[in-house]
Each structure stands twice: as C-alpha cells, then as structure tokens.
PDB file of N, CA and C in Angstrom:
ATOM      1  N   MET A   1      39.050  12.465  36.078  1.00  0.00           N
ATOM      2  CA  MET A   1      39.863  14.002  35.029  1.00  0.00           C
ATOM      3  C   MET A   1      39.866  13.776  33.740  1.00  0.00           C
ATOM      4  N   ALA A   2      39.763  14.822  33.763  1.00  0.00           N
ATOM      5  CA  ALA A   2      40.058  15.187  31.725  1.00  0.00           C
ATOM      6  C   ALA A   2      41.286  14.269  31.324  1.00  0.00           C
ATOM      7  N   PRO A   3      41.412  13.583  30.616  1.00  0.00           N
ATOM      8  CA  PRO A   3      42.677  14.056  29.810  1.00  0.00           C
ATOM      9  C   PRO A   3      43.360  15.710  29.957  1.00  0.00           C
ATOM     10  N   VAL A   4      44.742  15.473  30.047  1.00  0.00           N
ATOM     11  CA  VAL A   4      45.757  16.682  29.765  1.00  0.00           C
ATOM     12  C   VAL A   4      47.345  16.227  29.110  1.00  0.00           C
ATOM     13  N   GLU A   5      46.829  17.315  27.558  1.00  0.00           N
ATOM     14  CA  GLU A   5      48.268  16.933  26.683  1.00  0.00           C
ATOM     15  C   GLU A   5      49.484  17.649  27.542  1.00  0.00           C
ATOM     16  N   GLY A   6      51.264  17.475  27.895  1.00  0.00           N
ATOM     17  CA  GLY A   6      51.725  18.178  28.227  1.00  0.00           C
ATOM     18  C   GLY A   6      52.691  17.574  28.098  1.00  0.00           C
ATOM     19  N   ASP A   7      53.974  18.564  27.950  1.00  0.00           N
ATOM     20  CA  ASP A   7      55.285  17.154  28.190  1.00  0.00           C
ATOM     21  C   ASP A   7      55.450  17.668  29.492  1.00  0.00           C
ATOM     22  N   LEU A   8      56.058  16.025  29.658  1.00  0.00           N
ATOM     23  CA  LEU A   8      56.202  15.813  31.292  1.00  0.00           C
ATOM     24  C   LEU A   8      58.076  15.876  31.261  1.00  0.00           C
ATOM     25  N   LYS A   9      57.874  16.227  32.444  1.00  0.00           N
ATOM     26  CA  LYS A   9      59.621  17.065  33.145  1.00  0.00           C
ATOM     27  C   LYS A   9      60.138  17.212  34.402  1.00  0.00           C
ATOM     28  N   PRO A  10      60.110  15.991  34.344  1.00  0.00           N
ATOM     29  CA  PRO A  10      61.592  15.248  36.156  1.00  0.00           C
ATOM     30  C   PRO A  10      62.554  16.150  35.987  1.00  0.00           C
ATOM     31  N   HIS A  11      62.525  16.165  37.116  1.00  0.00           N
ATOM     32  CA  HIS A  11      64.089  16.916  37.383  1.00  0.00           C
ATOM     33  C   HIS A  11      64.012  17.463  38.614  1.00  0.00           C
ATOM     34  N   HIS A  12      65.765  17.409  39.304  1.00  0.00           N
ATOM     35  CA  HIS A  12      66.071  17.314  40.764  1.00  0.00           C
ATOM     36  C   HIS A  12      65.393  19.103  41.745  1.00  0.00           C
ATOM     37  N   GLN A  13      64.787  19.219  42.874  1.00  0.00           N
ATOM     38  CA  GLN A  13      64.922  20.080  42.558  1.00  0.00           C
ATOM     39  C   GLN A  13      65.350  19.920  45.301  1.00  0.00           C
ATOM     40  N   VAL A  14      65.851  21.340  45.315  1.00  0.00           N
ATOM     41  CA  VAL A  14      66.883  20.954  46.747  1.00  0.00           C
ATOM     42  C   VAL A  14      65.987  21.936  48.118  1.00  0.00           C
ATOM     43  N   TYR A  15      65.826  20.735  48.424  1.00  0.00           N
ATOM     44  CA  TYR A  15      64.563  22.128  49.925  1.00  0.00           C
ATOM     45  C   TYR A  15      65.443  21.571  51.180  1.00  0.00           C
ATOM     46  N   GLY A  16      66.337  23.055  52.039  1.00  0.00           N
ATOM     47  CA  GLY A  16      68.008  22.314  52.373  1.00  0.00           C
ATOM     48  C   GLY A  16      68.160  22.318  51.940  1.00  0.00           C
ATOM     49  N   GLU A  17      69.234  21.084  52.369  1.00  0.00           N
ATOM     50  CA  GLU A  17      69.768  20.119  51.589  1.00  0.00           C
ATOM     51  C   GLU A  17      69.908  18.852  51.577  1.00  0.00           C
ATOM     52  N   ARG A  18      67.861  18.591  51.119  1.00  0.00           N
ATOM     53  CA  ARG A  18      67.669  17.349  50.928  1.00  0.00           C
ATOM     54  C   ARG A  18      67.657  18.026  48.830  1.00  0.00           C
ATOM     55  N   PRO A  19      68.110  16.940  48.363  1.00  0.00           N
ATOM     56  CA  PRO A  19      67.515  16.398  46.289  1.00  0.00           C
ATOM     57  C   PRO A  19      66.445  15.844  46.868  1.00  0.00           C
ATOM     58  N   TYR A  20      65.424  16.208  45.741  1.00  0.00           N
ATOM     59  CA  TYR A  20      64.209  15.364  45.676  1.00  0.00           C
ATOM     60  C   TYR A  20      63.894  15.430  44.712  1.00  0.00           C
ATOM     61  N   GLN A  21      63.471  13.821  43.511  1.00  0.00           N
ATOM     62  CA  GLN A  21      62.718  14.029  42.237  1.00  0.00           C
ATOM     63  C   GLN A  21      61.230  14.629  42.069  1.00  0.00           C
ATOM     64  N   VAL A  22      61.254  16.042  41.368  1.00  0.00           N
ATOM     65  CA  VAL A  22      59.928  16.006  41.133  1.00  0.00           C
ATOM     66  C   VAL A  22      59.582  15.661  39.413  1.00  0.00           C
ATOM     67  N   ALA A  23      58.466  15.833  39.278  1.00  0.00           N
ATOM     68  CA  ALA A  23      57.907  15.474  38.114  1.00  0.00           C
ATOM     69  C   ALA A  23      56.525  17.079  37.918  1.00  0.00           C
ATOM     70  N   THR A  24      57.064  17.376  36.791  1.00  0.00           N
ATOM     71  CA  THR A  24      56.063  18.500  36.078  1.00  0.00           C
ATOM     72  C   THR A  24      55.106  18.341  35.141  1.00  0.00           C
ATOM     73  N   LEU A  25      53.995  18.805  34.467  1.00  0.00           N
ATOM     74  CA  LEU A  25      53.566  18.728  33.357  1.00  0.00           C
ATOM     75  C   LEU A  25      53.205  19.875  32.671  1.00  0.00           C
ATOM     76  N   GLN A  26      54.276  20.305  32.461  1.00  0.00           N
ATOM     77  CA  GLN A  26      53.633  21.720  31.079  1.00  0.00           C
ATOM     78  C   GLN A  26      53.159  21.575  29.724  1.00  0.00           C
ATOM     79  N   LEU A  27      52.058  22.482  30.024  1.00  0.00           N
ATOM     80  CA  LEU A  27      50.703  22.385  29.426  1.00  0.00           C
ATOM     81  C   LEU A  27      51.339  22.110  28.547  1.00  0.00           C
ATOM     82  N   ALA A  28      50.364  21.687  26.720  1.00  0.00           N
ATOM     83  CA  ALA A  28      51.215  21.271  25.474  1.00  0.00           C
ATOM     84  C   ALA A  28      50.524  22.544  25.239  1.00  0.00           C
ATOM     85  N   ASN A  29      51.087  23.117  23.941  1.00  0.00           N
ATOM     86  CA  ASN A  29      50.771  24.401  22.968  1.00  0.00           C
ATOM     87  C   ASN A  29      50.857  25.680  24.340  1.00  0.00           C
ATOM     88  N   SER A  30      51.139  26.524  24.969  1.00  0.00           N
ATOM     89  CA  SER A  30      51.502  26.975  26.188  1.00  0.00           C
ATOM     90  C   SER A  30      52.417  27.958  26.014  1.00  0.00           C
ATOM     91  N   SER A  31      52.040  29.091  25.761  1.00  0.00           N
ATOM     92  CA  SER A  31      53.675  30.123  25.896  1.00  0.00           C
ATOM     93  C   SER A  31      54.771  30.228  26.002  1.00  0.00           C
ATOM     94  N   MET A  32      54.196  30.392  28.016  1.00  0.00           N
ATOM     95  CA  MET A  32      54.521  30.520  29.182  1.00  0.00           C
ATOM     96  C   MET A  32      54.925  28.699  30.168  1.00  0.00           C
ATOM     97  N   ALA A  33      55.726  28.465  31.338  1.00  0.00           N
ATOM     98  CA  ALA A  33      56.048  27.590  31.781  1.00  0.00           C
ATOM     99  C   ALA A  33      54.521  26.895  32.489  1.00  0.00           C
ATOM    100  N   GLU A  34      53.417  26.790  32.002  1.00  0.00           N
ATOM    101  CA  GLU A  34      52.242  27.038  32.785  1.00  0.00           C
ATOM    102  C   GLU A  34      52.204  25.486  32.767  1.00  0.00           C
ATOM    103  N   VAL A  35      52.491  24.664  34.028  1.00  0.00           N
ATOM    104  CA  VAL A  35      51.339  24.054  34.163  1.00  0.00           C
ATOM    105  C   VAL A  35      50.708  22.709  34.972  1.00  0.00           C
ATOM    106  N   ALA A  36      50.326  21.746  34.273  1.00  0.00           N
ATOM    107  CA  ALA A  36      48.777  21.504  34.712  1.00  0.00           C
ATOM    108  C   ALA A  36      48.501  21.078  36.080  1.00  0.00           C
ATOM    109  N   PHE A  37      49.585  20.042  37.362  1.00  0.00           N
ATOM    110  CA  PHE A  37      48.872  19.961  38.237  1.00  0.00           C
ATOM    111  C   PHE A  37      49.466  20.380  38.993  1.00  0.00           C
ATOM    112  N   SER A  38      49.819  20.045  40.604  1.00  0.00           N
ATOM    113  CA  SER A  38      50.921  20.743  40.796  1.00  0.00           C
ATOM    114  C   SER A  38      51.770  19.659  40.296  1.00  0.00           C
ATOM    115  N   PRO A  39      53.222  19.962  41.413  1.00  0.00           N
ATOM    116  CA  PRO A  39      54.477  18.823  41.268  1.00  0.00           C
ATOM    117  C   PRO A  39      54.669  17.537  42.149  1.00  0.00           C
ATOM    118  N   LEU A  40      54.456  16.056  41.129  1.00  0.00           N
ATOM    119  CA  LEU A  40      54.830  15.293  42.211  1.00  0.00           C
ATOM    120  C   LEU A  40      56.105  15.142  42.527  1.00  0.00           C
ATOM    121  N   TYR A  41      56.229  15.107  44.032  1.00  0.00           N
ATOM    122  CA  TYR A  41      57.346  15.019  44.523  1.00  0.00           C
ATOM    123  C   TYR A  41      57.385  13.646  45.015  1.00  0.00           C
ATOM    124  N   VAL A  42      59.309  13.146  44.948  1.00  0.00           N
ATOM    125  CA  VAL A  42      59.485  11.843  45.073  1.00  0.00           C
ATOM    126  C   VAL A  42      58.828  11.332  44.582  1.00  0.00           C
ATOM    127  N   SER A  43      59.117  11.731  43.061  1.00  0.00           N
ATOM    128  CA  SER A  43      58.721  10.601  41.776  1.00  0.00           C
ATOM    129  C   SER A  43      59.815  10.011  41.315  1.00  0.00           C
ATOM    130  N   VAL A  44      58.226   8.414  41.623  1.00  0.00           N
ATOM    131  CA  VAL A  44      58.703   7.116  41.184  1.00  0.00           C
ATOM    132  C   VAL A  44      58.724   6.500  39.934  1.00  0.00           C
ATOM    133  N   LEU A  45      59.090   5.839  39.157  1.00  0.00           N
ATOM    134  CA  LEU A  45      58.276   5.135  37.690  1.00  0.00           C
ATOM    135  C   LEU A  45      58.259   3.534  38.957  1.00  0.00           C
ATOM    136  N   VAL A  46      56.175   3.227  38.679  1.00  0.00           N
ATOM    137  CA  VAL A  46      55.550   2.676  39.722  1.00  0.00           C
ATOM    138  C   VAL A  46      55.609   1.564  38.636  1.00  0.00           C
ATOM    139  N   ALA A  47      55.276   1.836  36.983  1.00  0.00           N
ATOM    140  CA  ALA A  47      55.288   0.813  35.657  1.00  0.00           C
ATOM    141  C   ALA A  47      55.287   1.760  34.802  1.00  0.00           C
ATOM    142  N   ILE A  48      55.411   0.520  33.615  1.00  0.00           N
ATOM    143  CA  ILE A  48      56.173   0.392  32.512  1.00  0.00           C
ATOM    144  C   ILE A  48      54.459   0.113  32.168  1.00  0.00           C
ATOM    145  N   VAL A  49      53.720   0.907  30.744  1.00  0.00           N
ATOM    146  CA  VAL A  49      52.428  -0.158  30.646  1.00  0.00           C
ATOM    147  C   VAL A  49      52.900   0.042  28.873  1.00  0.00           C
ATOM    148  N   ALA A  50      50.890  -0.295  27.750  1.00  0.00           N
ATOM    149  CA  ALA A  50      52.034  -0.570  26.902  1.00  0.00           C
ATOM    150  C   ALA A  50      51.717   0.127  26.130  1.00  0.00           C
ATOM    151  N   ASP A  51      51.471   1.979  26.487  1.00  0.00           N
ATOM    152  CA  ASP A  51      51.566   3.009  26.021  1.00  0.00           C
ATOM    153  C   ASP A  51      51.987   4.279  26.508  1.00  0.00           C
ATOM    154  N   GLY A  52      52.397   3.736  28.056  1.00  0.00           N
ATOM    155  CA  GLY A  52      53.387   4.453  28.763  1.00  0.00           C
ATOM    156  C   GLY A  52      53.315   4.267  30.168  1.00  0.00           C
ATOM    157  N   LEU A  53      53.116   5.166  30.194  1.00  0.00           N
ATOM    158  CA  LEU A  53      54.224   4.868  31.733  1.00  0.00           C
ATOM    159  C   LEU A  53      53.180   5.404  33.406  1.00  0.00           C
ATOM    160  N   ARG A  54      53.294   5.055  34.774  1.00  0.00           N
ATOM    161  CA  ARG A  54      52.719   5.501  35.962  1.00  0.00           C
ATOM    162  C   ARG A  54      53.590   5.892  36.391  1.00  0.00           C
ATOM    163  N   LEU A  55      53.658   6.887  36.425  1.00  0.00           N
ATOM    164  CA  LEU A  55      54.624   7.584  38.500  1.00  0.00           C
ATOM    165  C   LEU A  55      53.496   7.556  39.417  1.00  0.00           C
ATOM    166  N   ARG A  56      54.086   7.554  41.122  1.00  0.00           N
ATOM    167  CA  ARG A  56      53.307   8.286  41.893  1.00  0.00           C
ATOM    168  C   ARG A  56      54.075   9.144  42.852  1.00  0.00           C
ATOM    169  N   GLY A  57      53.879   9.650  43.722  1.00  0.00           N
ATOM    170  CA  GLY A  57      54.858  11.058  45.200  1.00  0.00           C
ATOM    171  C   GLY A  57      53.271  11.401  45.163  1.00  0.00           C
ATOM    172  N   TYR A  58      53.783  12.737  45.582  1.00  0.00           N
ATOM    173  CA  TYR A  58      53.072  13.006  46.881  1.00  0.00           C
ATOM    174  C   TYR A  58      53.604  14.467  46.342  1.00  0.00           C
ATOM    175  N   GLU A  59      52.225  14.947  46.776  1.00  0.00           N
ATOM    176  CA  GLU A  59      51.792  16.424  45.818  1.00  0.00           C
ATOM    177  C   GLU A  59      51.400  17.495  47.793  1.00  0.00           C
ATOM    178  N   ARG A  60      51.389  18.360  47.551  1.00  0.00           N
ATOM    179  CA  ARG A  60      51.438  19.491  48.123  1.00  0.00           C
ATOM    180  C   ARG A  60      50.623  19.897  48.303  1.00  0.00           C
ATOM    181  N   LEU A  61      49.464  20.397  49.445  1.00  0.00           N
ATOM    182  CA  LEU A  61      48.593  20.821  49.222  1.00  0.00           C
ATOM    183  C   LEU A  61      48.132  22.309  49.992  1.00  0.00           C
ATOM    184  N   GLU A  62      47.908  23.329  48.897  1.00  0.00           N
ATOM    185  CA  GLU A  62      47.641  24.460  50.013  1.00  0.00           C
ATOM    186  C   GLU A  62      48.062  25.038  51.235  1.00  0.00           C
ATOM    187  N   ASP A  63      47.007  23.744  52.051  1.00  0.00           N
ATOM    188  CA  ASP A  63      47.306  23.636  53.568  1.00  0.00           C
ATOM    189  C   ASP A  63      48.244  23.175  54.415  1.00  0.00           C
ATOM    190  N   GLY A  64      49.070  23.050  53.329  1.00  0.00           N
ATOM    191  CA  GLY A  64      50.606  22.096  53.773  1.00  0.00           C
ATOM    192  C   GLY A  64      49.881  21.094  53.877  1.00  0.00           C
ATOM    193  N   GLN A  65      49.400  19.541  53.790  1.00  0.00           N
ATOM    194  CA  GLN A  65      49.826  18.849  53.775  1.00  0.00           C
ATOM    195  C   GLN A  65      50.321  18.210  52.938  1.00  0.00           C
ATOM    196  N   THR A  66      50.073  16.924  52.970  1.00  0.00           N
ATOM    197  CA  THR A  66      50.906  16.004  51.502  1.00  0.00           C
ATOM    198  C   THR A  66      49.357  14.875  50.979  1.00  0.00           C
ATOM    199  N   VAL A  67      49.617  14.681  50.590  1.00  0.00           N
ATOM    200  CA  VAL A  67      49.313  13.296  49.611  1.00  0.00           C
ATOM    201  C   VAL A  67      49.617  12.229  48.813  1.00  0.00           C
ATOM    202  N   VAL A  68      50.099  11.555  47.991  1.00  0.00           N
ATOM    203  CA  VAL A  68      49.418  10.092  47.538  1.00  0.00           C
ATOM    204  C   VAL A  68      48.885  10.529  45.847  1.00  0.00           C
ATOM    205  N   GLN A  69      50.717  10.769  45.218  1.00  0.00           N
ATOM    206  CA  GLN A  69      49.839  11.042  44.241  1.00  0.00           C
ATOM    207  C   GLN A  69      50.205   9.833  43.222  1.00  0.00           C
ATOM    208  N   GLY A  70      49.169   9.721  41.677  1.00  0.00           N
ATOM    209  CA  GLY A  70      49.309   8.288  40.598  1.00  0.00           C
ATOM    210  C   GLY A  70      49.313   9.819  39.468  1.00  0.00           C
ATOM    211  N   TRP A  71      50.243   9.479  38.419  1.00  0.00           N
ATOM    212  CA  TRP A  71      49.998   9.867  37.414  1.00  0.00           C
ATOM    213  C   TRP A  71      49.976   8.467  36.546  1.00  0.00           C
ATOM    214  N   LEU A  72      49.142   8.490  35.519  1.00  0.00           N
ATOM    215  CA  LEU A  72      49.296   7.742  34.613  1.00  0.00           C
ATOM    216  C   LEU A  72      50.335   8.930  33.356  1.00  0.00           C
ATOM    217  N   CYS A  73      50.715   8.067  32.732  1.00  0.00           N
ATOM    218  CA  CYS A  73      51.578   9.748  31.581  1.00  0.00           C
ATOM    219  C   CYS A  73      51.241   8.030  30.300  1.00  0.00           C
ATOM    220  N   GLU A  74      50.473   8.705  29.259  1.00  0.00           N
ATOM    221  CA  GLU A  74      50.196   7.770  27.545  1.00  0.00           C
ATOM    222  C   GLU A  74      51.165   8.280  27.047  1.00  0.00           C
ATOM    223  N   VAL A  75      51.689   7.846  26.001  1.00  0.00           N
ATOM    224  CA  VAL A  75      52.304   9.047  24.449  1.00  0.00           C
ATOM    225  C   VAL A  75      51.760   9.418  23.909  1.00  0.00           C
ATOM    226  N   VAL A  76      50.828  10.580  23.658  1.00  0.00           N
ATOM    227  CA  VAL A  76      49.964  10.514  22.235  1.00  0.00           C
ATOM    228  C   VAL A  76      50.637  10.756  21.074  1.00  0.00           C
ATOM    229  N   ARG A  77      51.821  11.525  21.072  1.00  0.00           N
ATOM    230  CA  ARG A  77      52.722  11.550  19.739  1.00  0.00           C
ATOM    231  C   ARG A  77      54.555  11.895  20.308  1.00  0.00           C
ATOM    232  N   PHE A  78      54.752  12.030  19.231  1.00  0.00           N
ATOM    233  CA  PHE A  78      56.796  12.357  19.020  1.00  0.00           C
ATOM    234  C   PHE A  78      56.568  13.051  18.714  1.00  0.00           C
ATOM    235  N   VAL A  79      57.742  14.001  19.700  1.00  0.00           N
ATOM    236  CA  VAL A  79      58.195  14.836  18.803  1.00  0.00           C
ATOM    237  C   VAL A  79      59.539  14.616  18.489  1.00  0.00           C
ATOM    238  N   VAL A  80      60.081  14.429  17.258  1.00  0.00           N
ATOM    239  CA  VAL A  80      61.781  14.813  16.770  1.00  0.00           C
ATOM    240  C   VAL A  80      62.181  15.966  16.343  1.00  0.00           C
ATOM    241  N   ALA A  81      63.267  16.180  17.010  1.00  0.00           N
ATOM    242  CA  ALA A  81      64.114  18.085  17.516  1.00  0.00           C
ATOM    243  C   ALA A  81      65.199  16.980  15.481  1.00  0.00           C
ATOM    244  N   PRO A  82      65.046  18.028  14.665  1.00  0.00           N
ATOM    245  CA  PRO A  82      65.947  18.204  14.076  1.00  0.00           C
ATOM    246  C   PRO A  82      67.487  17.626  13.744  1.00  0.00           C
ATOM    247  N   PRO A  83      68.787  17.566  13.484  1.00  0.00           N
ATOM    248  CA  PRO A  83      68.935  17.295  13.830  1.00  0.00           C
ATOM    249  C   PRO A  83      70.286  18.941  13.846  1.00  0.00           C
ATOM    250  N   ASN A  84      71.628  18.373  15.136  1.00  0.00           N
ATOM    251  CA  ASN A  84      71.860  19.602  14.914  1.00  0.00           C
ATOM    252  C   ASN A  84      72.806  19.879  14.439  1.00  0.00           C
ATOM    253  N   ASN A  85      72.984  20.349  13.576  1.00  0.00           N
ATOM    254  CA  ASN A  85      74.441  20.863  12.527  1.00  0.00           C
ATOM    255  C   ASN A  85      75.724  21.587  12.793  1.00  0.00           C
TER     256      ASN A  85
END
C-alpha cells in the first residue's frame, strides 16, 4: 500500500460501558475530518523506531468481523503552532 500523509489522532471511545483506545489517521490537506483508514481499535504502541512508531490494534470490517492490523507511522514533518498570547 502506498504511504498516506495525515495526522495521527489517538482518542478514547466508549462502546456500551467499556472505553477503548482508538487511533485514526486524518488526511492531510483535507478540509473535512476525512480519515485515511478504518479506525484502529484497542491500539497499542508496539515499537518506537528511528523516525516514527509502530501501532497495532483491531480493524472492524464491513461484515462485522475483526482483524489484527498494524500501522507504521513515520514522521514526515513537524508542525509547530505559535505560542498563545
């Protein structure tokens, strides 16, 4: 699969009474909150590599099945916000 540039957005979601760690990848240069892939549920940090990190979790397929999925997230640029005044 070709690399996709975006912003990694880790967050928590609650299903029933259980909270889950979820990672999404919001596409860069998108005016909407468009995501590049299906969310990565129960996402965990597997490794920190030289220029990024590896995540692993579960992806829910359209037919309701769940598969193990891994992401290699590489740093392509740093965005520094100006200080708040």
